[in-house]
Amino acid sequence: MNPQPLLQASLAALYIVGVVGVMQGMLALTNDGQSEVFAPVVMLSLFVLSVSVMAYIFFYKPVTLYVEGQKQEAVTFFLKIVAYFAVFVALAMLIFVTVPFPHI
């Protein structure tokens, strides 16, 4: 078994967890009215950064394989990444609906 697709999906999941952690920290620090001005800029910048990072994580290796002529391997590799990531999403959803989180 090639562990690379699992690693790629894990990196995507860890990136999302990291972004959520940073966003929670920023929300805790911004209790003034100034955040209303900069919030759209920060959110759009974070969106563009996230698209770039996720595109690299999900597509770089499959596109490299495809360009090298390994078309079937490229498709299989990409689908494995998506499948592993779907498992992470399903686990996160399961935790969300089953674990009682305290209200802040």
PDB file of N, CA and C in Angstrom:
ATOM      1  N   MET A   1       0.843  -1.193   0.000  1.00  0.00           N
ATOM      2  CA  MET A   1       0.000   0.000   0.000  1.00  0.00           C
ATOM      3  C   MET A   1       0.883   1.249   0.000  1.00  0.00           C
ATOM      4  N   ASN A   2       0.555   2.186  -0.852  1.00  0.00           N
ATOM      5  CA  ASN A   2       1.276   3.448  -0.919  1.00  0.00           C
ATOM      6  C   ASN A   2       0.696   4.392   0.142  1.00  0.00           C
ATOM      7  N   PRO A   3       1.499   4.789   1.132  1.00  0.00           N
ATOM      8  CA  PRO A   3       0.966   5.636   2.210  1.00  0.00           C
ATOM      9  C   PRO A   3       0.798   7.091   1.799  1.00  0.00           C
ATOM     10  N   GLN A   4       1.237   7.455   0.613  1.00  0.00           N
ATOM     11  CA  GLN A   4       1.205   8.849   0.196  1.00  0.00           C
ATOM     12  C   GLN A   4      -0.205   9.459   0.161  1.00  0.00           C
ATOM     13  N   PRO A   5      -1.226   8.795  -0.375  1.00  0.00           N
ATOM     14  CA  PRO A   5      -2.561   9.412  -0.358  1.00  0.00           C
ATOM     15  C   PRO A   5      -3.074   9.678   1.061  1.00  0.00           C
ATOM     16  N   LEU A   6      -2.793   8.770   1.974  1.00  0.00           N
ATOM     17  CA  LEU A   6      -3.200   8.974   3.364  1.00  0.00           C
ATOM     18  C   LEU A   6      -2.470  10.179   3.957  1.00  0.00           C
ATOM     19  N   LEU A   7      -1.196  10.323   3.640  1.00  0.00           N
ATOM     20  CA  LEU A   7      -0.422  11.476   4.115  1.00  0.00           C
ATOM     21  C   LEU A   7      -1.000  12.768   3.560  1.00  0.00           C
ATOM     22  N   GLN A   8      -1.326  12.792   2.265  1.00  0.00           N
ATOM     23  CA  GLN A   8      -1.887  13.986   1.653  1.00  0.00           C
ATOM     24  C   GLN A   8      -3.214  14.361   2.303  1.00  0.00           C
ATOM     25  N   ALA A   9      -4.088  13.394   2.506  1.00  0.00           N
ATOM     26  CA  ALA A   9      -5.379  13.661   3.144  1.00  0.00           C
ATOM     27  C   ALA A   9      -5.184  14.119   4.590  1.00  0.00           C
ATOM     28  N   SER A  10      -4.221  13.537   5.283  1.00  0.00           N
ATOM     29  CA  SER A  10      -3.929  13.938   6.662  1.00  0.00           C
ATOM     30  C   SER A  10      -3.436  15.378   6.713  1.00  0.00           C
ATOM     31  N   LEU A  11      -2.588  15.756   5.769  1.00  0.00           N
ATOM     32  CA  LEU A  11      -2.111  17.135   5.717  1.00  0.00           C
ATOM     33  C   LEU A  11      -3.264  18.107   5.498  1.00  0.00           C
ATOM     34  N   ALA A  12      -4.204  17.734   4.644  1.00  0.00           N
ATOM     35  CA  ALA A  12      -5.368  18.591   4.409  1.00  0.00           C
ATOM     36  C   ALA A  12      -6.188  18.738   5.687  1.00  0.00           C
ATOM     37  N   ALA A  13      -6.422  17.630   6.376  1.00  0.00           N
ATOM     38  CA  ALA A  13      -7.195  17.677   7.619  1.00  0.00           C
ATOM     39  C   ALA A  13      -6.473  18.500   8.686  1.00  0.00           C
ATOM     40  N   LEU A  14      -5.166  18.322   8.804  1.00  0.00           N
ATOM     41  CA  LEU A  14      -4.394  19.095   9.785  1.00  0.00           C
ATOM     42  C   LEU A  14      -4.387  20.574   9.439  1.00  0.00           C
ATOM     43  N   TYR A  15      -4.323  20.894   8.158  1.00  0.00           N
ATOM     44  CA  TYR A  15      -4.373  22.296   7.750  1.00  0.00           C
ATOM     45  C   TYR A  15      -5.702  22.924   8.176  1.00  0.00           C
ATOM     46  N   ILE A  16      -6.790  22.210   7.974  1.00  0.00           N
ATOM     47  CA  ILE A  16      -8.105  22.728   8.357  1.00  0.00           C
ATOM     48  C   ILE A  16      -8.186  22.933   9.863  1.00  0.00           C
ATOM     49  N   VAL A  17      -7.695  21.975  10.617  1.00  0.00           N
ATOM     50  CA  VAL A  17      -7.690  22.111  12.080  1.00  0.00           C
ATOM     51  C   VAL A  17      -6.855  23.322  12.497  1.00  0.00           C
ATOM     52  N   GLY A  18      -5.719  23.518  11.858  1.00  0.00           N
ATOM     53  CA  GLY A  18      -4.869  24.670  12.161  1.00  0.00           C
ATOM     54  C   GLY A  18      -5.550  25.989  11.842  1.00  0.00           C
ATOM     55  N   VAL A  19      -6.209  26.069  10.702  1.00  0.00           N
ATOM     56  CA  VAL A  19      -6.915  27.295  10.324  1.00  0.00           C
ATOM     57  C   VAL A  19      -8.033  27.595  11.314  1.00  0.00           C
ATOM     58  N   VAL A  20      -8.772  26.584  11.707  1.00  0.00           N
ATOM     59  CA  VAL A  20      -9.849  26.789  12.687  1.00  0.00           C
ATOM     60  C   VAL A  20      -9.268  27.270  14.019  1.00  0.00           C
ATOM     61  N   GLY A  21      -8.148  26.692  14.425  1.00  0.00           N
ATOM     62  CA  GLY A  21      -7.508  27.133  15.665  1.00  0.00           C
ATOM     63  C   GLY A  21      -7.083  28.588  15.611  1.00  0.00           C
ATOM     64  N   VAL A  22      -6.500  29.001  14.492  1.00  0.00           N
ATOM     65  CA  VAL A  22      -6.092  30.401  14.329  1.00  0.00           C
ATOM     66  C   VAL A  22      -7.313  31.310  14.324  1.00  0.00           C
ATOM     67  N   MET A  23      -8.369  30.887  13.633  1.00  0.00           N
ATOM     68  CA  MET A  23      -9.580  31.711  13.595  1.00  0.00           C
ATOM     69  C   MET A  23     -10.196  31.859  14.982  1.00  0.00           C
ATOM     70  N   GLN A  24     -10.210  30.778  15.754  1.00  0.00           N
ATOM     71  CA  GLN A  24     -10.749  30.859  17.117  1.00  0.00           C
ATOM     72  C   GLN A  24      -9.912  31.807  17.970  1.00  0.00           C
ATOM     73  N   GLY A  25      -8.600  31.735  17.814  1.00  0.00           N
ATOM     74  CA  GLY A  25      -7.719  32.641  18.548  1.00  0.00           C
ATOM     75  C   GLY A  25      -7.937  34.088  18.162  1.00  0.00           C
ATOM     76  N   MET A  26      -8.126  34.324  16.868  1.00  0.00           N
ATOM     77  CA  MET A  26      -8.374  35.693  16.414  1.00  0.00           C
ATOM     78  C   MET A  26      -9.702  36.223  16.934  1.00  0.00           C
ATOM     79  N   LEU A  27     -10.721  35.365  16.958  1.00  0.00           N
ATOM     80  CA  LEU A  27     -12.018  35.791  17.480  1.00  0.00           C
ATOM     81  C   LEU A  27     -11.926  36.162  18.959  1.00  0.00           C
ATOM     82  N   ALA A  28     -11.103  35.413  19.692  1.00  0.00           N
ATOM     83  CA  ALA A  28     -10.949  35.697  21.116  1.00  0.00           C
ATOM     84  C   ALA A  28     -10.239  37.028  21.345  1.00  0.00           C
ATOM     85  N   LEU A  29      -9.380  37.421  20.412  1.00  0.00           N
ATOM     86  CA  LEU A  29      -8.610  38.654  20.569  1.00  0.00           C
ATOM     87  C   LEU A  29      -9.347  39.894  20.082  1.00  0.00           C
ATOM     88  N   THR A  30     -10.309  39.739  19.201  1.00  0.00           N
ATOM     89  CA  THR A  30     -10.977  40.897  18.597  1.00  0.00           C
ATOM     90  C   THR A  30     -12.360  41.090  19.187  1.00  0.00           C
ATOM     91  N   ASN A  31     -12.436  41.949  20.161  1.00  0.00           N
ATOM     92  CA  ASN A  31     -13.724  42.284  20.763  1.00  0.00           C
ATOM     93  C   ASN A  31     -14.095  43.735  20.513  1.00  0.00           C
ATOM     94  N   ASP A  32     -13.343  44.404  19.661  1.00  0.00           N
ATOM     95  CA  ASP A  32     -13.623  45.812  19.399  1.00  0.00           C
ATOM     96  C   ASP A  32     -14.282  45.967  18.027  1.00  0.00           C
ATOM     97  N   GLY A  33     -14.680  47.178  17.708  1.00  0.00           N
ATOM     98  CA  GLY A  33     -15.362  47.448  16.448  1.00  0.00           C
ATOM     99  C   GLY A  33     -14.440  47.447  15.241  1.00  0.00           C
ATOM    100  N   GLN A  34     -13.120  47.469  15.456  1.00  0.00           N
ATOM    101  CA  GLN A  34     -12.188  47.513  14.335  1.00  0.00           C
ATOM    102  C   GLN A  34     -12.213  46.231  13.514  1.00  0.00           C
ATOM    103  N   SER A  35     -12.599  45.137  14.110  1.00  0.00           N
ATOM    104  CA  SER A  35     -12.602  43.871  13.382  1.00  0.00           C
ATOM    105  C   SER A  35     -13.608  43.881  12.239  1.00  0.00           C
ATOM    106  N   GLU A  36     -14.617  44.741  12.324  1.00  0.00           N
ATOM    107  CA  GLU A  36     -15.607  44.821  11.249  1.00  0.00           C
ATOM    108  C   GLU A  36     -14.979  45.309   9.953  1.00  0.00           C
ATOM    109  N   VAL A  37     -13.974  46.142  10.034  1.00  0.00           N
ATOM    110  CA  VAL A  37     -13.328  46.690   8.848  1.00  0.00           C
ATOM    111  C   VAL A  37     -12.406  45.660   8.207  1.00  0.00           C
ATOM    112  N   PHE A  38     -11.632  44.961   9.015  1.00  0.00           N
ATOM    113  CA  PHE A  38     -10.623  44.066   8.483  1.00  0.00           C
ATOM    114  C   PHE A  38     -11.093  42.622   8.318  1.00  0.00           C
ATOM    115  N   ALA A  39     -12.207  42.271   8.897  1.00  0.00           N
ATOM    116  CA  ALA A  39     -12.678  40.886   8.818  1.00  0.00           C
ATOM    117  C   ALA A  39     -12.867  40.408   7.373  1.00  0.00           C
ATOM    118  N   PRO A  40     -13.498  41.189   6.487  1.00  0.00           N
ATOM    119  CA  PRO A  40     -13.636  40.700   5.105  1.00  0.00           C
ATOM    120  C   PRO A  40     -12.291  40.518   4.395  1.00  0.00           C
ATOM    121  N   VAL A  41     -11.350  41.392   4.666  1.00  0.00           N
ATOM    122  CA  VAL A  41     -10.029  41.280   4.041  1.00  0.00           C
ATOM    123  C   VAL A  41      -9.325  40.018   4.535  1.00  0.00           C
ATOM    124  N   VAL A  42      -9.378  39.789   5.824  1.00  0.00           N
ATOM    125  CA  VAL A  42      -8.738  38.607   6.396  1.00  0.00           C
ATOM    126  C   VAL A  42      -9.408  37.333   5.889  1.00  0.00           C
ATOM    127  N   MET A  43     -10.718  37.305   5.852  1.00  0.00           N
ATOM    128  CA  MET A  43     -11.430  36.100   5.424  1.00  0.00           C
ATOM    129  C   MET A  43     -11.174  35.799   3.948  1.00  0.00           C
ATOM    130  N   LEU A  44     -11.179  36.814   3.091  1.00  0.00           N
ATOM    131  CA  LEU A  44     -10.914  36.582   1.673  1.00  0.00           C
ATOM    132  C   LEU A  44      -9.468  36.140   1.468  1.00  0.00           C
ATOM    133  N   SER A  45      -8.547  36.734   2.201  1.00  0.00           N
ATOM    134  CA  SER A  45      -7.139  36.325   2.110  1.00  0.00           C
ATOM    135  C   SER A  45      -6.959  34.884   2.576  1.00  0.00           C
ATOM    136  N   LEU A  46      -7.636  34.533   3.649  1.00  0.00           N
ATOM    137  CA  LEU A  46      -7.561  33.163   4.157  1.00  0.00           C
ATOM    138  C   LEU A  46      -8.165  32.182   3.160  1.00  0.00           C
ATOM    139  N   PHE A  47      -9.238  32.584   2.497  1.00  0.00           N
ATOM    140  CA  PHE A  47      -9.851  31.733   1.470  1.00  0.00           C
ATOM    141  C   PHE A  47      -8.883  31.483   0.317  1.00  0.00           C
ATOM    142  N   VAL A  48      -8.239  32.523  -0.166  1.00  0.00           N
ATOM    143  CA  VAL A  48      -7.289  32.376  -1.279  1.00  0.00           C
ATOM    144  C   VAL A  48      -6.109  31.506  -0.853  1.00  0.00           C
ATOM    145  N   LEU A  49      -5.596  31.727   0.347  1.00  0.00           N
ATOM    146  CA  LEU A  49      -4.498  30.898   0.854  1.00  0.00           C
ATOM    147  C   LEU A  49      -4.933  29.438   0.963  1.00  0.00           C
ATOM    148  N   SER A  50      -6.122  29.212   1.477  1.00  0.00           N
ATOM    149  CA  SER A  50      -6.613  27.843   1.652  1.00  0.00           C
ATOM    150  C   SER A  50      -6.799  27.134   0.317  1.00  0.00           C
ATOM    151  N   VAL A  51      -7.316  27.837  -0.670  1.00  0.00           N
ATOM    152  CA  VAL A  51      -7.472  27.230  -1.992  1.00  0.00           C
ATOM    153  C   VAL A  51      -6.104  26.852  -2.554  1.00  0.00           C
ATOM    154  N   SER A  52      -5.130  27.709  -2.382  1.00  0.00           N
ATOM    155  CA  SER A  52      -3.781  27.427  -2.874  1.00  0.00           C
ATOM    156  C   SER A  52      -3.168  26.213  -2.181  1.00  0.00           C
ATOM    157  N   VAL A  53      -3.281  26.170  -0.868  1.00  0.00           N
ATOM    158  CA  VAL A  53      -2.702  25.056  -0.108  1.00  0.00           C
ATOM    159  C   VAL A  53      -3.413  23.747  -0.454  1.00  0.00           C
ATOM    160  N   MET A  54      -4.731  23.767  -0.497  1.00  0.00           N
ATOM    161  CA  MET A  54      -5.475  22.550  -0.810  1.00  0.00           C
ATOM    162  C   MET A  54      -5.227  22.085  -2.246  1.00  0.00           C
ATOM    163  N   ALA A  55      -5.098  23.030  -3.168  1.00  0.00           N
ATOM    164  CA  ALA A  55      -4.789  22.645  -4.550  1.00  0.00           C
ATOM    165  C   ALA A  55      -3.442  21.946  -4.614  1.00  0.00           C
ATOM    166  N   TYR A  56      -2.471  22.453  -3.882  1.00  0.00           N
ATOM    167  CA  TYR A  56      -1.161  21.810  -3.864  1.00  0.00           C
ATOM    168  C   TYR A  56      -1.253  20.415  -3.247  1.00  0.00           C
ATOM    169  N   ILE A  57      -1.924  20.312  -2.102  1.00  0.00           N
ATOM    170  CA  ILE A  57      -2.017  19.024  -1.403  1.00  0.00           C
ATOM    171  C   ILE A  57      -2.766  17.985  -2.237  1.00  0.00           C
ATOM    172  N   PHE A  58      -3.869  18.379  -2.861  1.00  0.00           N
ATOM    173  CA  PHE A  58      -4.709  17.424  -3.581  1.00  0.00           C
ATOM    174  C   PHE A  58      -4.236  17.157  -5.010  1.00  0.00           C
ATOM    175  N   PHE A  59      -3.654  18.151  -5.680  1.00  0.00           N
ATOM    176  CA  PHE A  59      -3.430  18.015  -7.116  1.00  0.00           C
ATOM    177  C   PHE A  59      -1.979  17.901  -7.566  1.00  0.00           C
ATOM    178  N   TYR A  60      -1.010  18.336  -6.769  1.00  0.00           N
ATOM    179  CA  TYR A  60       0.375  18.375  -7.252  1.00  0.00           C
ATOM    180  C   TYR A  60       0.876  16.998  -7.690  1.00  0.00           C
ATOM    181  N   LYS A  61       0.798  16.023  -6.818  1.00  0.00           N
ATOM    182  CA  LYS A  61       1.297  14.681  -7.138  1.00  0.00           C
ATOM    183  C   LYS A  61       0.493  14.019  -8.264  1.00  0.00           C
ATOM    184  N   PRO A  62      -0.843  14.059  -8.238  1.00  0.00           N
ATOM    185  CA  PRO A  62      -1.571  13.471  -9.364  1.00  0.00           C
ATOM    186  C   PRO A  62      -1.267  14.132 -10.709  1.00  0.00           C
ATOM    187  N   VAL A  63      -1.144  15.459 -10.723  1.00  0.00           N
ATOM    188  CA  VAL A  63      -0.822  16.145 -11.977  1.00  0.00           C
ATOM    189  C   VAL A  63       0.582  15.769 -12.438  1.00  0.00           C
ATOM    190  N   THR A  64       1.514  15.658 -11.502  1.00  0.00           N
ATOM    191  CA  THR A  64       2.876  15.241 -11.857  1.00  0.00           C
ATOM    192  C   THR A  64       2.861  13.850 -12.480  1.00  0.00           C
ATOM    193  N   LEU A  65       2.129  12.936 -11.873  1.00  0.00           N
ATOM    194  CA  LEU A  65       2.022  11.586 -12.435  1.00  0.00           C
ATOM    195  C   LEU A  65       1.381  11.621 -13.819  1.00  0.00           C
ATOM    196  N   TYR A  66       0.351  12.430 -13.973  1.00  0.00           N
ATOM    197  CA  TYR A  66      -0.350  12.515 -15.258  1.00  0.00           C
ATOM    198  C   TYR A  66       0.580  13.048 -16.354  1.00  0.00           C
ATOM    199  N   VAL A  67       1.328  14.091 -16.033  1.00  0.00           N
ATOM    200  CA  VAL A  67       2.251  14.681 -17.009  1.00  0.00           C
ATOM    201  C   VAL A  67       3.356  13.695 -17.371  1.00  0.00           C
ATOM    202  N   GLU A  68       3.757  12.865 -16.426  1.00  0.00           N
ATOM    203  CA  GLU A  68       4.795  11.862 -16.682  1.00  0.00           C
ATOM    204  C   GLU A  68       4.258  10.671 -17.473  1.00  0.00           C
ATOM    205  N   GLY A  69       2.978  10.698 -17.829  1.00  0.00           N
ATOM    206  CA  GLY A  69       2.403   9.635 -18.636  1.00  0.00           C
ATOM    207  C   GLY A  69       1.752   8.513 -17.852  1.00  0.00           C
ATOM    208  N   GLN A  70       1.712   8.622 -16.541  1.00  0.00           N
ATOM    209  CA  GLN A  70       1.100   7.600 -15.691  1.00  0.00           C
ATOM    210  C   GLN A  70      -0.334   8.019 -15.377  1.00  0.00           C
ATOM    211  N   LYS A  71      -1.166   8.006 -16.408  1.00  0.00           N
ATOM    212  CA  LYS A  71      -2.516   8.555 -16.287  1.00  0.00           C
ATOM    213  C   LYS A  71      -3.390   7.758 -15.332  1.00  0.00           C
ATOM    214  N   GLN A  72      -3.371   6.448 -15.433  1.00  0.00           N
ATOM    215  CA  GLN A  72      -4.192   5.620 -14.550  1.00  0.00           C
ATOM    216  C   GLN A  72      -3.748   5.768 -13.098  1.00  0.00           C
ATOM    217  N   GLU A  73      -2.439   5.800 -12.871  1.00  0.00           N
ATOM    218  CA  GLU A  73      -1.920   5.979 -11.508  1.00  0.00           C
ATOM    219  C   GLU A  73      -2.314   7.340 -10.952  1.00  0.00           C
ATOM    220  N   ALA A  74      -2.311   8.366 -11.807  1.00  0.00           N
ATOM    221  CA  ALA A  74      -2.675   9.716 -11.376  1.00  0.00           C
ATOM    222  C   ALA A  74      -4.130   9.759 -10.906  1.00  0.00           C
ATOM    223  N   VAL A  75      -5.013   9.163 -11.688  1.00  0.00           N
ATOM    224  CA  VAL A  75      -6.440   9.153 -11.326  1.00  0.00           C
ATOM    225  C   VAL A  75      -6.648   8.354 -10.046  1.00  0.00           C
ATOM    226  N   THR A  76      -6.023   7.194  -9.962  1.00  0.00           N
ATOM    227  CA  THR A  76      -6.150   6.353  -8.768  1.00  0.00           C
ATOM    228  C   THR A  76      -5.625   7.072  -7.539  1.00  0.00           C
ATOM    229  N   PHE A  77      -4.481   7.711  -7.671  1.00  0.00           N
ATOM    230  CA  PHE A  77      -3.869   8.448  -6.559  1.00  0.00           C
ATOM    231  C   PHE A  77      -4.806   9.551  -6.069  1.00  0.00           C
ATOM    232  N   PHE A  78      -5.354  10.331  -7.016  1.00  0.00           N
ATOM    233  CA  PHE A  78      -6.265  11.414  -6.653  1.00  0.00           C
ATOM    234  C   PHE A  78      -7.512  10.882  -5.956  1.00  0.00           C
ATOM    235  N   LEU A  79      -8.083   9.821  -6.494  1.00  0.00           N
ATOM    236  CA  LEU A  79      -9.294   9.256  -5.889  1.00  0.00           C
ATOM    237  C   LEU A  79      -9.016   8.702  -4.490  1.00  0.00           C
ATOM    238  N   LYS A  80      -7.825   8.160  -4.275  1.00  0.00           N
ATOM    239  CA  LYS A  80      -7.477   7.675  -2.932  1.00  0.00           C
ATOM    240  C   LYS A  80      -7.369   8.836  -1.952  1.00  0.00           C
ATOM    241  N   ILE A  81      -6.769   9.945  -2.396  1.00  0.00           N
ATOM    242  CA  ILE A  81      -6.679  11.123  -1.526  1.00  0.00           C
ATOM    243  C   ILE A  81      -8.081  11.586  -1.136  1.00  0.00           C
ATOM    244  N   VAL A  82      -8.960  11.678  -2.116  1.00  0.00           N
ATOM    245  CA  VAL A  82     -10.329  12.131  -1.851  1.00  0.00           C
ATOM    246  C   VAL A  82     -11.054  11.152  -0.922  1.00  0.00           C
ATOM    247  N   ALA A  83     -10.837   9.862  -1.135  1.00  0.00           N
ATOM    248  CA  ALA A  83     -11.492   8.857  -0.290  1.00  0.00           C
ATOM    249  C   ALA A  83     -11.007   8.956   1.156  1.00  0.00           C
ATOM    250  N   TYR A  84      -9.692   9.067   1.343  1.00  0.00           N
ATOM    251  CA  TYR A  84      -9.169   9.212   2.711  1.00  0.00           C
ATOM    252  C   TYR A  84      -9.682  10.487   3.362  1.00  0.00           C
ATOM    253  N   PHE A  85      -9.728  11.577   2.592  1.00  0.00           N
ATOM    254  CA  PHE A  85     -10.226  12.827   3.148  1.00  0.00           C
ATOM    255  C   PHE A  85     -11.708  12.712   3.501  1.00  0.00           C
ATOM    256  N   ALA A  86     -12.457  11.990   2.692  1.00  0.00           N
ATOM    257  CA  ALA A  86     -13.882  11.761   2.993  1.00  0.00           C
ATOM    258  C   ALA A  86     -14.041  11.021   4.317  1.00  0.00           C
ATOM    259  N   VAL A  87     -13.127  10.095   4.600  1.00  0.00           N
ATOM    260  CA  VAL A  87     -13.164   9.387   5.885  1.00  0.00           C
ATOM    261  C   VAL A  87     -12.929  10.371   7.030  1.00  0.00           C
ATOM    262  N   PHE A  88     -11.948  11.286   6.856  1.00  0.00           N
ATOM    263  CA  PHE A  88     -11.700  12.301   7.888  1.00  0.00           C
ATOM    264  C   PHE A  88     -12.931  13.184   8.096  1.00  0.00           C
ATOM    265  N   VAL A  89     -13.580  13.574   7.017  1.00  0.00           N
ATOM    266  CA  VAL A  89     -14.779  14.411   7.117  1.00  0.00           C
ATOM    267  C   VAL A  89     -15.893  13.650   7.826  1.00  0.00           C
ATOM    268  N   ALA A  90     -16.073  12.391   7.483  1.00  0.00           N
ATOM    269  CA  ALA A  90     -17.105  11.577   8.130  1.00  0.00           C
ATOM    270  C   ALA A  90     -16.827  11.437   9.624  1.00  0.00           C
ATOM    271  N   LEU A  91     -15.570  11.221   9.985  1.00  0.00           N
ATOM    272  CA  LEU A  91     -15.216  11.126  11.409  1.00  0.00           C
ATOM    273  C   LEU A  91     -15.475  12.443  12.128  1.00  0.00           C
ATOM    274  N   ALA A  92     -15.133  13.556  11.498  1.00  0.00           N
ATOM    275  CA  ALA A  92     -15.372  14.865  12.110  1.00  0.00           C
ATOM    276  C   ALA A  92     -16.864  15.097  12.303  1.00  0.00           C
ATOM    277  N   MET A  93     -17.662  14.714  11.314  1.00  0.00           N
ATOM    278  CA  MET A  93     -19.110  14.867  11.439  1.00  0.00           C
ATOM    279  C   MET A  93     -19.656  13.976  12.539  1.00  0.00           C
ATOM    280  N   LEU A  94     -19.151  12.761  12.646  1.00  0.00           N
ATOM    281  CA  LEU A  94     -19.587  11.839  13.689  1.00  0.00           C
ATOM    282  C   LEU A  94     -19.248  12.387  15.075  1.00  0.00           C
ATOM    283  N   ILE A  95     -18.053  12.917  15.218  1.00  0.00           N
ATOM    284  CA  ILE A  95     -17.664  13.520  16.497  1.00  0.00           C
ATOM    285  C   ILE A  95     -18.550  14.714  16.810  1.00  0.00           C
ATOM    286  N   PHE A  96     -18.834  15.525  15.789  1.00  0.00           N
ATOM    287  CA  PHE A  96     -19.650  16.720  15.978  1.00  0.00           C
ATOM    288  C   PHE A  96     -21.056  16.392  16.481  1.00  0.00           C
ATOM    289  N   VAL A  97     -21.639  15.341  15.956  1.00  0.00           N
ATOM    290  CA  VAL A  97     -23.023  15.024  16.344  1.00  0.00           C
ATOM    291  C   VAL A  97     -23.118  14.146  17.595  1.00  0.00           C
ATOM    292  N   THR A  98     -22.018  13.526  18.009  1.00  0.00           N
ATOM    293  CA  THR A  98     -22.102  12.621  19.147  1.00  0.00           C
ATOM    294  C   THR A  98     -21.450  13.150  20.420  1.00  0.00           C
ATOM    295  N   VAL A  99     -20.452  14.018  20.300  1.00  0.00           N
ATOM    296  CA  VAL A  99     -19.745  14.506  21.492  1.00  0.00           C
ATOM    297  C   VAL A  99     -20.369  15.808  21.946  1.00  0.00           C
ATOM    298  N   PRO A 100     -20.820  15.885  23.192  1.00  0.00           N
ATOM    299  CA  PRO A 100     -21.399  17.139  23.689  1.00  0.00           C
ATOM    300  C   PRO A 100     -20.288  18.149  24.015  1.00  0.00           C
ATOM    301  N   PHE A 101     -20.235  19.230  23.259  1.00  0.00           N
ATOM    302  CA  PHE A 101     -19.231  20.260  23.500  1.00  0.00           C
ATOM    303  C   PHE A 101     -19.833  21.332  24.401  1.00  0.00           C
ATOM    304  N   PRO A 102     -19.048  21.853  25.329  1.00  0.00           N
ATOM    305  CA  PRO A 102     -19.575  22.910  26.209  1.00  0.00           C
ATOM    306  C   PRO A 102     -19.778  24.211  25.441  1.00  0.00           C
ATOM    307  N   HIS A 103     -20.782  24.980  25.821  1.00  0.00           N
ATOM    308  CA  HIS A 103     -21.028  26.271  25.188  1.00  0.00           C
ATOM    309  C   HIS A 103     -20.091  27.280  25.806  1.00  0.00           C
ATOM    310  N   ILE A 104     -19.563  28.122  24.958  1.00  0.00           N
ATOM    311  CA  ILE A 104     -18.633  29.161  25.452  1.00  0.00           C
ATOM    312  C   ILE A 104     -19.352  30.455  25.639  1.00  0.00           C
TER     313      ILE A 104
END
